[in-house]
Amino acid sequence: MARTSALAALAGAAVWLGGCGTVANLGRPADQQRVFGGVRLDMEVVQECAGEVGQEGGPGNPAEAVVSATCSVLDMPLSLVGDVVTLPLTFLAELRQTNPTRSQDPVAPRDGQ
């Protein structure tokens, strides 16, 4: 019974915490959303934490950095799934960032037409 409860709690935590990078990416304003932004955010956290652990007397607590990096690594596959599901939204948001004039008037005629 205790083992079943522990497994259920672990599964619930994985679902609740899963895809945090994707949620953070979608929580940004539309002009800051990026394609596969959830995985990118997780990678940024891992890189930042690796820098903190590698520096003697660096900023932050090394134990916290290791925990944050571990959580981000575990979150990456779930963020990847979330990023694939939200790809149409983030693709359009990033497309609008690169071509703001076309995004405001999607049926505007091209030059020479």
Protein backbone atom coordinates (compact mmCIF):
# COMPACT_ATOMS: atom_id res chain seq x y z
CA MET A 1 0.00 0.00 0.00
CA ALA A 2 2.78 2.43 0.91
CA ARG A 3 4.65 1.60 -2.26
CA THR A 4 1.56 2.25 -4.38
CA SER A 5 1.04 5.60 -2.65
CA ALA A 6 4.66 6.58 -3.24
CA LEU A 7 4.44 5.63 -6.92
CA ALA A 8 1.20 7.56 -7.31
CA ALA A 9 2.75 10.61 -5.67
CA LEU A 10 5.82 10.34 -7.89
CA ALA A 11 3.68 10.00 -11.03
CA GLY A 12 1.56 12.97 -9.98
CA ALA A 13 4.64 15.09 -9.36
CA ALA A 14 6.07 14.15 -12.75
CA VAL A 15 2.86 15.16 -14.51
CA TRP A 16 2.53 18.35 -12.47
CA LEU A 17 6.16 19.41 -12.95
CA GLY A 18 6.52 18.11 -16.49
CA GLY A 19 6.96 20.55 -19.30
CA CYS A 20 7.82 23.51 -17.09
CA GLY A 21 10.08 24.93 -19.79
CA THR A 22 7.22 24.88 -22.29
CA VAL A 23 4.88 26.56 -19.82
CA ALA A 24 7.50 29.23 -19.14
CA ASN A 25 7.98 29.77 -22.88
CA LEU A 26 4.24 30.15 -23.48
CA GLY A 27 3.96 32.45 -20.46
CA ARG A 28 6.17 34.98 -22.20
CA PRO A 29 4.72 37.74 -24.36
CA ALA A 30 4.13 36.57 -27.92
CA ASP A 31 7.09 38.57 -29.23
CA GLN A 32 9.44 36.61 -26.93
CA GLN A 33 8.16 33.07 -27.55
CA ARG A 34 10.57 30.79 -29.37
CA VAL A 35 10.24 27.54 -31.31
CA PHE A 36 11.24 24.74 -28.93
CA GLY A 37 11.58 27.40 -26.23
CA GLY A 38 10.87 24.94 -23.42
CA VAL A 39 13.87 22.77 -24.25
CA ARG A 40 15.96 25.88 -24.84
CA LEU A 41 15.04 27.25 -21.40
CA ASP A 42 15.90 23.93 -19.76
CA MET A 43 19.28 23.95 -21.52
CA GLU A 44 19.94 27.52 -20.40
CA VAL A 45 19.28 26.50 -16.78
CA VAL A 46 21.63 23.52 -17.08
CA GLN A 47 24.38 25.67 -18.61
CA GLU A 48 23.96 28.35 -15.95
CA CYS A 49 24.05 25.78 -13.17
CA ALA A 50 27.12 24.11 -14.65
CA GLY A 51 28.89 27.46 -14.61
CA GLU A 52 27.99 27.99 -10.96
CA VAL A 53 29.20 24.55 -9.89
CA GLY A 54 32.41 24.88 -11.91
CA GLN A 55 33.39 28.17 -10.26
CA GLU A 56 34.92 28.01 -6.83
CA GLY A 57 33.19 30.60 -4.68
CA GLY A 58 30.88 31.40 -7.58
CA PRO A 59 27.41 32.84 -7.16
CA GLY A 60 24.72 30.65 -5.70
CA ASN A 61 24.74 27.47 -3.68
CA PRO A 62 26.34 24.51 -5.52
CA ALA A 63 23.81 22.07 -4.04
CA GLU A 64 20.93 24.20 -5.36
CA ALA A 65 22.62 24.41 -8.74
CA VAL A 66 22.91 20.62 -8.94
CA VAL A 67 19.25 20.16 -7.97
CA SER A 68 18.10 22.79 -10.49
CA ALA A 69 20.19 21.24 -13.27
CA THR A 70 18.89 17.76 -12.45
CA CYS A 71 15.27 18.94 -12.51
CA SER A 72 15.86 20.69 -15.84
CA VAL A 73 17.45 17.57 -17.37
CA LEU A 74 14.51 15.47 -16.18
CA ASP A 75 12.10 18.06 -17.57
CA MET A 76 13.65 18.16 -21.05
CA PRO A 77 11.81 15.14 -22.54
CA LEU A 78 8.50 16.44 -21.21
CA SER A 79 9.26 19.93 -22.51
CA LEU A 80 10.12 18.39 -25.87
CA VAL A 81 6.67 16.80 -26.05
CA GLY A 82 5.05 20.07 -24.98
CA ASP A 83 7.10 22.02 -27.50
CA VAL A 84 6.07 19.68 -30.33
CA VAL A 85 2.39 20.03 -29.36
CA THR A 86 2.66 23.83 -29.20
CA LEU A 87 4.89 24.11 -32.30
CA PRO A 88 2.19 25.76 -34.47
CA LEU A 89 1.69 28.52 -31.88
CA THR A 90 5.36 29.21 -31.28
CA PHE A 91 6.18 28.98 -34.99
CA LEU A 92 3.60 31.65 -35.79
CA ALA A 93 4.82 33.82 -32.91
CA GLU A 94 8.42 33.56 -34.10
CA LEU A 95 7.35 34.19 -37.70
CA ARG A 96 5.65 37.40 -36.59
CA GLN A 97 8.88 38.44 -34.85
CA THR A 98 10.95 38.04 -38.00
CA ASN A 99 8.42 39.65 -40.35
CA PRO A 100 6.28 42.10 -38.35
CA THR A 101 4.78 43.90 -41.38
CA ARG A 102 3.36 40.70 -42.88
CA SER A 103 1.95 39.53 -39.54
CA GLN A 104 -0.21 42.63 -39.19
CA ASP A 105 -1.78 42.21 -42.63
CA PRO A 106 -1.52 38.56 -43.70
CA VAL A 107 -3.49 39.11 -46.93
CA ALA A 108 -1.51 42.12 -48.12
CA PRO A 109 -0.49 41.77 -51.77
CA ARG A 110 3.13 41.18 -52.58
CA ASP A 111 5.13 43.82 -54.39
CA GLY A 112 4.48 43.67 -58.13
CA GLN A 113 1.06 42.03 -57.85
